[in-house]
Amino acid sequence: IQMTERFMTTDVLFGYVTNLCLTDYFDMEKLDAAR
């Protein structure tokens, strides 16, 4: 939520286009442990 807050903004309708990618969502320690 904190990571995406700047793209969601406080507006009820409008946000800002993200520059995130899916790898940003992973906890790298958890991912390495799973692998």
PDB file of all heavy atoms in Angstrom:
ATOM      1  N   ILE A   1       0.846  -1.205   0.000  1.00  0.00           N
ATOM      2  CA  ILE A   1       0.000   0.000   0.000  1.00  0.00           C
ATOM      3  C   ILE A   1       0.872   1.243   0.000  1.00  0.00           C
ATOM      4  O   ILE A   1       0.633   2.199  -0.755  1.00  0.00           O
ATOM      5  CB  ILE A   1      -0.965  -0.016   1.208  1.00  0.00           C
ATOM      6  CG1 ILE A   1      -2.019  -1.108   1.012  1.00  0.00           C
ATOM      7  CG2 ILE A   1      -1.618   1.355   1.390  1.00  0.00           C
ATOM      8  CD1 ILE A   1      -2.908  -1.320   2.221  1.00  0.00           C
ATOM      9  N   GLN A   2       1.899   1.231   0.824  1.00  0.00           N
ATOM     10  CA  GLN A   2       2.815   2.375   0.874  1.00  0.00           C
ATOM     11  C   GLN A   2       3.576   2.529  -0.443  1.00  0.00           C
ATOM     12  O   GLN A   2       3.765   3.649  -0.940  1.00  0.00           O
ATOM     13  CB  GLN A   2       3.802   2.184   2.031  1.00  0.00           C
ATOM     14  CG  GLN A   2       4.755   3.364   2.223  1.00  0.00           C
ATOM     15  CD  GLN A   2       5.698   3.141   3.403  1.00  0.00           C
ATOM     16  OE1 GLN A   2       5.771   2.047   3.962  1.00  0.00           O
ATOM     17  NE2 GLN A   2       6.419   4.181   3.784  1.00  0.00           N
ATOM     18  N   MET A   3       3.955   1.414  -1.050  1.00  0.00           N
ATOM     19  CA  MET A   3       4.719   1.446  -2.295  1.00  0.00           C
ATOM     20  C   MET A   3       3.893   2.009  -3.459  1.00  0.00           C
ATOM     21  O   MET A   3       4.429   2.669  -4.354  1.00  0.00           O
ATOM     22  CB  MET A   3       5.181   0.021  -2.630  1.00  0.00           C
ATOM     23  CG  MET A   3       6.090  -0.095  -3.841  1.00  0.00           C
ATOM     24  SD  MET A   3       6.695  -1.798  -4.055  1.00  0.00           S
ATOM     25  CE  MET A   3       5.228  -2.624  -4.677  1.00  0.00           C
ATOM     26  N   THR A   4       2.591   1.747  -3.441  1.00  0.00           N
ATOM     27  CA  THR A   4       1.719   2.181  -4.544  1.00  0.00           C
ATOM     28  C   THR A   4       0.953   3.462  -4.234  1.00  0.00           C
ATOM     29  O   THR A   4       0.194   3.948  -5.075  1.00  0.00           O
ATOM     30  CB  THR A   4       0.709   1.072  -4.880  1.00  0.00           C
ATOM     31  OG1 THR A   4      -0.064   0.753  -3.710  1.00  0.00           O
ATOM     32  CG2 THR A   4       1.421  -0.183  -5.368  1.00  0.00           C
ATOM     33  N   GLU A   5       1.175   4.031  -3.071  1.00  0.00           N
ATOM     34  CA  GLU A   5       0.380   5.185  -2.625  1.00  0.00           C
ATOM     35  C   GLU A   5       0.478   6.363  -3.591  1.00  0.00           C
ATOM     36  O   GLU A   5      -0.511   7.041  -3.881  1.00  0.00           O
ATOM     37  CB  GLU A   5       0.848   5.610  -1.230  1.00  0.00           C
ATOM     38  CG  GLU A   5       0.015   6.709  -0.607  1.00  0.00           C
ATOM     39  CD  GLU A   5       0.480   7.019   0.815  1.00  0.00           C
ATOM     40  OE1 GLU A   5       1.593   6.590   1.185  1.00  0.00           O
ATOM     41  OE2 GLU A   5      -0.271   7.680   1.544  1.00  0.00           O
ATOM     42  N   ARG A   6       1.669   6.606  -4.140  1.00  0.00           N
ATOM     43  CA  ARG A   6       1.834   7.773  -5.005  1.00  0.00           C
ATOM     44  C   ARG A   6       1.104   7.612  -6.341  1.00  0.00           C
ATOM     45  O   ARG A   6       0.809   8.600  -7.010  1.00  0.00           O
ATOM     46  CB  ARG A   6       3.321   8.051  -5.240  1.00  0.00           C
ATOM     47  CG  ARG A   6       4.069   7.020  -6.076  1.00  0.00           C
ATOM     48  CD  ARG A   6       5.558   7.348  -6.078  1.00  0.00           C
ATOM     49  NE  ARG A   6       6.362   6.564  -7.008  1.00  0.00           N
ATOM     50  CZ  ARG A   6       6.858   5.373  -6.753  1.00  0.00           C
ATOM     51  NH1 ARG A   6       6.608   4.805  -5.573  1.00  0.00           N
ATOM     52  NH2 ARG A   6       7.594   4.741  -7.654  1.00  0.00           N
ATOM     53  N   PHE A   7       0.804   6.380  -6.728  1.00  0.00           N
ATOM     54  CA  PHE A   7       0.053   6.151  -7.970  1.00  0.00           C
ATOM     55  C   PHE A   7      -1.454   6.153  -7.722  1.00  0.00           C
ATOM     56  O   PHE A   7      -2.222   6.442  -8.627  1.00  0.00           O
ATOM     57  CB  PHE A   7       0.477   4.825  -8.600  1.00  0.00           C
ATOM     58  CG  PHE A   7       1.955   4.722  -8.805  1.00  0.00           C
ATOM     59  CD1 PHE A   7       2.713   3.813  -8.083  1.00  0.00           C
ATOM     60  CD2 PHE A   7       2.606   5.563  -9.701  1.00  0.00           C
ATOM     61  CE1 PHE A   7       4.081   3.729  -8.253  1.00  0.00           C
ATOM     62  CE2 PHE A   7       3.982   5.486  -9.880  1.00  0.00           C
ATOM     63  CZ  PHE A   7       4.725   4.571  -9.149  1.00  0.00           C
ATOM     64  N   MET A   8      -1.851   5.856  -6.504  1.00  0.00           N
ATOM     65  CA  MET A   8      -3.276   5.841  -6.178  1.00  0.00           C
ATOM     66  C   MET A   8      -3.806   7.239  -5.872  1.00  0.00           C
ATOM     67  O   MET A   8      -4.953   7.545  -6.156  1.00  0.00           O
ATOM     68  CB  MET A   8      -3.547   4.926  -4.973  1.00  0.00           C
ATOM     69  CG  MET A   8      -3.327   3.451  -5.266  1.00  0.00           C
ATOM     70  SD  MET A   8      -4.312   2.849  -6.662  1.00  0.00           S
ATOM     71  CE  MET A   8      -3.135   3.006  -8.009  1.00  0.00           C
ATOM     72  N   THR A   9      -2.988   8.109  -5.287  1.00  0.00           N
ATOM     73  CA  THR A   9      -3.362   9.472  -4.907  1.00  0.00           C
ATOM     74  C   THR A   9      -4.574   9.440  -3.973  1.00  0.00           C
ATOM     75  O   THR A   9      -5.051   8.378  -3.585  1.00  0.00           O
ATOM     76  CB  THR A   9      -3.646  10.371  -6.134  1.00  0.00           C
ATOM     77  OG1 THR A   9      -4.908  10.023  -6.722  1.00  0.00           O
ATOM     78  CG2 THR A   9      -2.536  10.255  -7.162  1.00  0.00           C
ATOM     79  N   THR A  10      -5.090  10.593  -3.649  1.00  0.00           N
ATOM     80  CA  THR A  10      -6.241  10.678  -2.752  1.00  0.00           C
ATOM     81  C   THR A  10      -7.537  10.919  -3.509  1.00  0.00           C
ATOM     82  O   THR A  10      -8.594  11.045  -2.905  1.00  0.00           O
ATOM     83  CB  THR A  10      -6.040  11.811  -1.738  1.00  0.00           C
ATOM     84  OG1 THR A  10      -5.845  13.055  -2.448  1.00  0.00           O
ATOM     85  CG2 THR A  10      -4.839  11.532  -0.846  1.00  0.00           C
ATOM     86  N   ASP A  11      -7.477  10.997  -4.829  1.00  0.00           N
ATOM     87  CA  ASP A  11      -8.652  11.281  -5.652  1.00  0.00           C
ATOM     88  C   ASP A  11      -9.545  10.044  -5.752  1.00  0.00           C
ATOM     89  O   ASP A  11      -9.057   8.919  -5.814  1.00  0.00           O
ATOM     90  CB  ASP A  11      -8.210  11.730  -7.051  1.00  0.00           C
ATOM     91  CG  ASP A  11      -9.338  12.308  -7.866  1.00  0.00           C
ATOM     92  OD1 ASP A  11     -10.171  11.523  -8.359  1.00  0.00           O
ATOM     93  OD2 ASP A  11      -9.406  13.543  -8.006  1.00  0.00           O
ATOM     94  N   VAL A  12     -10.861  10.246  -5.800  1.00  0.00           N
ATOM     95  CA  VAL A  12     -11.796   9.128  -5.870  1.00  0.00           C
ATOM     96  C   VAL A  12     -11.753   8.423  -7.222  1.00  0.00           C
ATOM     97  O   VAL A  12     -12.070   7.234  -7.319  1.00  0.00           O
ATOM     98  CB  VAL A  12     -13.227   9.609  -5.552  1.00  0.00           C
ATOM     99  CG1 VAL A  12     -13.765  10.524  -6.662  1.00  0.00           C
ATOM    100  CG2 VAL A  12     -14.160   8.422  -5.346  1.00  0.00           C
ATOM    101  N   LEU A  13     -11.334   9.118  -8.285  1.00  0.00           N
ATOM    102  CA  LEU A  13     -11.346   8.537  -9.627  1.00  0.00           C
ATOM    103  C   LEU A  13      -9.972   8.409 -10.266  1.00  0.00           C
ATOM    104  O   LEU A  13      -9.702   7.435 -10.963  1.00  0.00           O
ATOM    105  CB  LEU A  13     -12.229   9.382 -10.566  1.00  0.00           C
ATOM    106  CG  LEU A  13     -13.729   9.388 -10.314  1.00  0.00           C
ATOM    107  CD1 LEU A  13     -14.407  10.325 -11.298  1.00  0.00           C
ATOM    108  CD2 LEU A  13     -14.316   7.988 -10.424  1.00  0.00           C
ATOM    109  N   PHE A  14      -9.108   9.405 -10.056  1.00  0.00           N
ATOM    110  CA  PHE A  14      -7.899   9.515 -10.856  1.00  0.00           C
ATOM    111  C   PHE A  14      -6.646   9.221 -10.047  1.00  0.00           C
ATOM    112  O   PHE A  14      -6.493   9.674  -8.919  1.00  0.00           O
ATOM    113  CB  PHE A  14      -7.790  10.915 -11.470  1.00  0.00           C
ATOM    114  CG  PHE A  14      -8.976  11.292 -12.312  1.00  0.00           C
ATOM    115  CD1 PHE A  14      -9.890  12.233 -11.872  1.00  0.00           C
ATOM    116  CD2 PHE A  14      -9.192  10.691 -13.533  1.00  0.00           C
ATOM    117  CE1 PHE A  14     -10.991  12.578 -12.638  1.00  0.00           C
ATOM    118  CE2 PHE A  14     -10.280  11.015 -14.319  1.00  0.00           C
ATOM    119  CZ  PHE A  14     -11.189  11.969 -13.867  1.00  0.00           C
ATOM    120  N   GLY A  15      -5.740   8.463 -10.673  1.00  0.00           N
ATOM    121  CA  GLY A  15      -4.442   8.192 -10.091  1.00  0.00           C
ATOM    122  C   GLY A  15      -3.354   8.664 -11.030  1.00  0.00           C
ATOM    123  O   GLY A  15      -3.561   9.567 -11.855  1.00  0.00           O
ATOM    124  N   TYR A  16      -2.192   8.029 -10.934  1.00  0.00           N
ATOM    125  CA  TYR A  16      -1.052   8.359 -11.790  1.00  0.00           C
ATOM    126  C   TYR A  16      -0.462   7.050 -12.289  1.00  0.00           C
ATOM    127  O   TYR A  16      -0.338   6.080 -11.531  1.00  0.00           O
ATOM    128  CB  TYR A  16       0.000   9.150 -11.010  1.00  0.00           C
ATOM    129  CG  TYR A  16       1.003   9.861 -11.882  1.00  0.00           C
ATOM    130  CD1 TYR A  16       0.756  11.145 -12.350  1.00  0.00           C
ATOM    131  CD2 TYR A  16       2.191   9.236 -12.262  1.00  0.00           C
ATOM    132  CE1 TYR A  16       1.671  11.805 -13.168  1.00  0.00           C
ATOM    133  CE2 TYR A  16       3.112   9.877 -13.075  1.00  0.00           C
ATOM    134  CZ  TYR A  16       2.846  11.167 -13.520  1.00  0.00           C
ATOM    135  OH  TYR A  16       3.741  11.807 -14.349  1.00  0.00           O
ATOM    136  N   VAL A  17      -0.097   6.999 -13.563  1.00  0.00           N
ATOM    137  CA  VAL A  17       0.362   5.753 -14.176  1.00  0.00           C
ATOM    138  C   VAL A  17       1.618   5.228 -13.473  1.00  0.00           C
ATOM    139  O   VAL A  17       2.603   5.945 -13.312  1.00  0.00           O
ATOM    140  CB  VAL A  17       0.641   5.960 -15.675  1.00  0.00           C
ATOM    141  CG1 VAL A  17       1.264   4.702 -16.278  1.00  0.00           C
ATOM    142  CG2 VAL A  17      -0.647   6.316 -16.412  1.00  0.00           C
ATOM    143  N   THR A  18       1.567   3.987 -13.073  1.00  0.00           N
ATOM    144  CA  THR A  18       2.651   3.373 -12.313  1.00  0.00           C
ATOM    145  C   THR A  18       3.912   3.177 -13.156  1.00  0.00           C
ATOM    146  O   THR A  18       3.847   3.054 -14.384  1.00  0.00           O
ATOM    147  CB  THR A  18       2.196   2.011 -11.769  1.00  0.00           C
ATOM    148  OG1 THR A  18       3.167   1.511 -10.856  1.00  0.00           O
ATOM    149  CG2 THR A  18       2.007   1.003 -12.890  1.00  0.00           C
ATOM    150  N   ASN A  19       5.056   3.140 -12.468  1.00  0.00           N
ATOM    151  CA  ASN A  19       6.290   2.699 -13.125  1.00  0.00           C
ATOM    152  C   ASN A  19       6.842   1.451 -12.440  1.00  0.00           C
ATOM    153  O   ASN A  19       7.994   1.078 -12.639  1.00  0.00           O
ATOM    154  CB  ASN A  19       7.341   3.818 -13.130  1.00  0.00           C
ATOM    155  CG  ASN A  19       7.780   4.220 -11.730  1.00  0.00           C
ATOM    156  OD1 ASN A  19       7.300   3.679 -10.725  1.00  0.00           O
ATOM    157  ND2 ASN A  19       8.686   5.181 -11.635  1.00  0.00           N
ATOM    158  N   LEU A  20       5.999   0.799 -11.639  1.00  0.00           N
ATOM    159  CA  LEU A  20       6.409  -0.412 -10.949  1.00  0.00           C
ATOM    160  C   LEU A  20       6.355  -1.609 -11.884  1.00  0.00           C
ATOM    161  O   LEU A  20       5.662  -1.595 -12.904  1.00  0.00           O
ATOM    162  CB  LEU A  20       5.499  -0.667  -9.752  1.00  0.00           C
ATOM    163  CG  LEU A  20       5.515   0.378  -8.633  1.00  0.00           C
ATOM    164  CD1 LEU A  20       4.434   0.060  -7.605  1.00  0.00           C
ATOM    165  CD2 LEU A  20       6.886   0.434  -7.967  1.00  0.00           C
ATOM    166  N   CYS A  21       7.049  -2.663 -11.529  1.00  0.00           N
ATOM    167  CA  CYS A  21       6.946  -3.940 -12.237  1.00  0.00           C
ATOM    168  C   CYS A  21       6.694  -5.032 -11.200  1.00  0.00           C
ATOM    169  O   CYS A  21       6.806  -4.799  -9.987  1.00  0.00           O
ATOM    170  CB  CYS A  21       8.185  -4.234 -13.064  1.00  0.00           C
ATOM    171  SG  CYS A  21       9.720  -4.292 -12.133  1.00  0.00           S
ATOM    172  N   LEU A  22       6.372  -6.225 -11.670  1.00  0.00           N
ATOM    173  CA  LEU A  22       5.939  -7.275 -10.754  1.00  0.00           C
ATOM    174  C   LEU A  22       7.029  -7.674  -9.765  1.00  0.00           C
ATOM    175  O   LEU A  22       6.736  -8.009  -8.609  1.00  0.00           O
ATOM    176  CB  LEU A  22       5.467  -8.490 -11.551  1.00  0.00           C
ATOM    177  CG  LEU A  22       4.782  -9.593 -10.748  1.00  0.00           C
ATOM    178  CD1 LEU A  22       3.592  -9.053  -9.959  1.00  0.00           C
ATOM    179  CD2 LEU A  22       4.344 -10.726 -11.669  1.00  0.00           C
ATOM    180  N   THR A  23       8.278  -7.623 -10.182  1.00  0.00           N
ATOM    181  CA  THR A  23       9.353  -8.001  -9.258  1.00  0.00           C
ATOM    182  C   THR A  23       9.406  -7.088  -8.037  1.00  0.00           C
ATOM    183  O   THR A  23       9.882  -7.507  -6.979  1.00  0.00           O
ATOM    184  CB  THR A  23      10.716  -7.985  -9.973  1.00  0.00           C
ATOM    185  OG1 THR A  23      10.908  -6.707 -10.595  1.00  0.00           O
ATOM    186  CG2 THR A  23      10.802  -9.081 -11.020  1.00  0.00           C
ATOM    187  N   ASP A  24       8.898  -5.860  -8.156  1.00  0.00           N
ATOM    188  CA  ASP A  24       8.868  -4.945  -7.018  1.00  0.00           C
ATOM    189  C   ASP A  24       7.959  -5.452  -5.904  1.00  0.00           C
ATOM    190  O   ASP A  24       8.070  -5.004  -4.758  1.00  0.00           O
ATOM    191  CB  ASP A  24       8.394  -3.553  -7.451  1.00  0.00           C
ATOM    192  CG  ASP A  24       9.356  -2.874  -8.414  1.00  0.00           C
ATOM    193  OD1 ASP A  24      10.576  -3.000  -8.207  1.00  0.00           O
ATOM    194  OD2 ASP A  24       8.890  -2.227  -9.371  1.00  0.00           O
ATOM    195  N   TYR A  25       7.038  -6.355  -6.232  1.00  0.00           N
ATOM    196  CA  TYR A  25       6.080  -6.861  -5.243  1.00  0.00           C
ATOM    197  C   TYR A  25       6.666  -7.963  -4.368  1.00  0.00           C
ATOM    198  O   TYR A  25       6.134  -8.253  -3.292  1.00  0.00           O
ATOM    199  CB  TYR A  25       4.828  -7.389  -5.965  1.00  0.00           C
ATOM    200  CG  TYR A  25       3.802  -6.317  -6.229  1.00  0.00           C
ATOM    201  CD1 TYR A  25       4.061  -5.282  -7.117  1.00  0.00           C
ATOM    202  CD2 TYR A  25       2.574  -6.316  -5.566  1.00  0.00           C
ATOM    203  CE1 TYR A  25       3.129  -4.288  -7.357  1.00  0.00           C
ATOM    204  CE2 TYR A  25       1.641  -5.324  -5.795  1.00  0.00           C
ATOM    205  CZ  TYR A  25       1.917  -4.312  -6.690  1.00  0.00           C
ATOM    206  OH  TYR A  25       1.000  -3.319  -6.908  1.00  0.00           O
ATOM    207  N   PHE A  26       7.755  -8.582  -4.815  1.00  0.00           N
ATOM    208  CA  PHE A  26       8.280  -9.740  -4.086  1.00  0.00           C
ATOM    209  C   PHE A  26       9.183  -9.326  -2.936  1.00  0.00           C
ATOM    210  O   PHE A  26       9.963  -8.373  -3.039  1.00  0.00           O
ATOM    211  CB  PHE A  26       9.059 -10.642  -5.036  1.00  0.00           C
ATOM    212  CG  PHE A  26       8.197 -11.524  -5.894  1.00  0.00           C
ATOM    213  CD1 PHE A  26       7.759 -11.080  -7.136  1.00  0.00           C
ATOM    214  CD2 PHE A  26       7.814 -12.777  -5.450  1.00  0.00           C
ATOM    215  CE1 PHE A  26       6.965 -11.891  -7.928  1.00  0.00           C
ATOM    216  CE2 PHE A  26       7.024 -13.594  -6.241  1.00  0.00           C
ATOM    217  CZ  PHE A  26       6.588 -13.149  -7.481  1.00  0.00           C
ATOM    218  N   ASP A  27       9.072 -10.067  -1.841  1.00  0.00           N
ATOM    219  CA  ASP A  27      10.045 -10.026  -0.759  1.00  0.00           C
ATOM    220  C   ASP A  27      11.178 -10.964  -1.187  1.00  0.00           C
ATOM    221  O   ASP A  27      10.981 -12.182  -1.279  1.00  0.00           O
ATOM    222  CB  ASP A  27       9.398 -10.521   0.544  1.00  0.00           C
ATOM    223  CG  ASP A  27      10.342 -10.493   1.725  1.00  0.00           C
ATOM    224  OD1 ASP A  27      11.498 -10.960   1.580  1.00  0.00           O
ATOM    225  OD2 ASP A  27       9.950 -10.029   2.805  1.00  0.00           O
ATOM    226  N   MET A  28      12.335 -10.421  -1.470  1.00  0.00           N
ATOM    227  CA  MET A  28      13.408 -11.206  -2.076  1.00  0.00           C
ATOM    228  C   MET A  28      13.896 -12.338  -1.175  1.00  0.00           C
ATOM    229  O   MET A  28      14.300 -13.397  -1.670  1.00  0.00           O
ATOM    230  CB  MET A  28      14.567 -10.290  -2.486  1.00  0.00           C
ATOM    231  CG  MET A  28      14.243  -9.455  -3.704  1.00  0.00           C
ATOM    232  SD  MET A  28      13.760 -10.507  -5.103  1.00  0.00           S
ATOM    233  CE  MET A  28      12.963  -9.318  -6.187  1.00  0.00           C
ATOM    234  N   GLU A  29      13.850 -12.146   0.122  1.00  0.00           N
ATOM    235  CA  GLU A  29      14.249 -13.234   1.016  1.00  0.00           C
ATOM    236  C   GLU A  29      13.261 -14.395   0.917  1.00  0.00           C
ATOM    237  O   GLU A  29      13.660 -15.567   0.857  1.00  0.00           O
ATOM    238  CB  GLU A  29      14.333 -12.727   2.458  1.00  0.00           C
ATOM    239  CG  GLU A  29      15.510 -11.784   2.708  1.00  0.00           C
ATOM    240  CD  GLU A  29      15.648 -11.435   4.180  1.00  0.00           C
ATOM    241  OE1 GLU A  29      14.862 -11.984   4.996  1.00  0.00           O
ATOM    242  OE2 GLU A  29      16.540 -10.628   4.508  1.00  0.00           O
ATOM    243  N   LYS A  30      11.957 -14.083   0.888  1.00  0.00           N
ATOM    244  CA  LYS A  30      10.945 -15.136   0.747  1.00  0.00           C
ATOM    245  C   LYS A  30      11.077 -15.833  -0.615  1.00  0.00           C
ATOM    246  O   LYS A  30      10.935 -17.051  -0.720  1.00  0.00           O
ATOM    247  CB  LYS A  30       9.545 -14.544   0.892  1.00  0.00           C
ATOM    248  CG  LYS A  30       9.219 -14.001   2.272  1.00  0.00           C
ATOM    249  CD  LYS A  30       7.806 -13.411   2.286  1.00  0.00           C
ATOM    250  CE  LYS A  30       7.453 -12.835   3.643  1.00  0.00           C
ATOM    251  NZ  LYS A  30       6.096 -12.201   3.642  1.00  0.00           N
ATOM    252  N   LEU A  31      11.326 -15.036  -1.660  1.00  0.00           N
ATOM    253  CA  LEU A  31      11.457 -15.610  -3.003  1.00  0.00           C
ATOM    254  C   LEU A  31      12.658 -16.546  -3.076  1.00  0.00           C
ATOM    255  O   LEU A  31      12.563 -17.663  -3.607  1.00  0.00           O
ATOM    256  CB  LEU A  31      11.581 -14.486  -4.031  1.00  0.00           C
ATOM    257  CG  LEU A  31      11.738 -14.910  -5.498  1.00  0.00           C
ATOM    258  CD1 LEU A  31      10.557 -15.751  -5.954  1.00  0.00           C
ATOM    259  CD2 LEU A  31      11.899 -13.683  -6.397  1.00  0.00           C
ATOM    260  N   ASP A  32      13.788 -16.122  -2.539  1.00  0.00           N
ATOM    261  CA  ASP A  32      14.984 -16.969  -2.559  1.00  0.00           C
ATOM    262  C   ASP A  32      14.755 -18.258  -1.768  1.00  0.00           C
ATOM    263  O   ASP A  32      15.185 -19.346  -2.193  1.00  0.00           O
ATOM    264  CB  ASP A  32      16.179 -16.203  -1.972  1.00  0.00           C
ATOM    265  CG  ASP A  32      16.664 -15.097  -2.895  1.00  0.00           C
ATOM    266  OD1 ASP A  32      16.308 -15.123  -4.087  1.00  0.00           O
ATOM    267  OD2 ASP A  32      17.380 -14.192  -2.415  1.00  0.00           O
ATOM    268  N   ALA A  33      14.069 -18.136  -0.641  1.00  0.00           N
ATOM    269  CA  ALA A  33      13.799 -19.322   0.183  1.00  0.00           C
ATOM    270  C   ALA A  33      12.884 -20.300  -0.557  1.00  0.00           C
ATOM    271  O   ALA A  33      13.071 -21.523  -0.493  1.00  0.00           O
ATOM    272  CB  ALA A  33      13.165 -18.896   1.501  1.00  0.00           C
ATOM    273  N   ALA A  34      11.891 -19.760  -1.281  1.00  0.00           N
ATOM    274  CA  ALA A  34      10.977 -20.621  -2.032  1.00  0.00           C
ATOM    275  C   ALA A  34      11.715 -21.344  -3.159  1.00  0.00           C
ATOM    276  O   ALA A  34      11.500 -22.541  -3.394  1.00  0.00           O
ATOM    277  CB  ALA A  34       9.831 -19.792  -2.600  1.00  0.00           C
ATOM    278  N   ARG A  35      12.589 -20.626  -3.841  1.00  0.00           N
ATOM    279  CA  ARG A  35      13.361 -21.259  -4.920  1.00  0.00           C
ATOM    280  C   ARG A  35      14.269 -22.361  -4.377  1.00  0.00           C
ATOM    281  O   ARG A  35      14.418 -23.431  -4.997  1.00  0.00           O
ATOM    282  CB  ARG A  35      14.178 -20.198  -5.647  1.00  0.00           C
ATOM    283  CG  ARG A  35      13.339 -19.272  -6.532  1.00  0.00           C
ATOM    284  CD  ARG A  35      14.152 -18.111  -7.048  1.00  0.00           C
ATOM    285  NE  ARG A  35      13.427 -17.312  -8.043  1.00  0.00           N
ATOM    286  CZ  ARG A  35      13.816 -16.121  -8.471  1.00  0.00           C
ATOM    287  NH1 ARG A  35      14.952 -15.584  -7.987  1.00  0.00           N
ATOM    288  NH2 ARG A  35      13.108 -15.477  -9.369  1.00  0.00           N
TER     289      ARG A  35
END
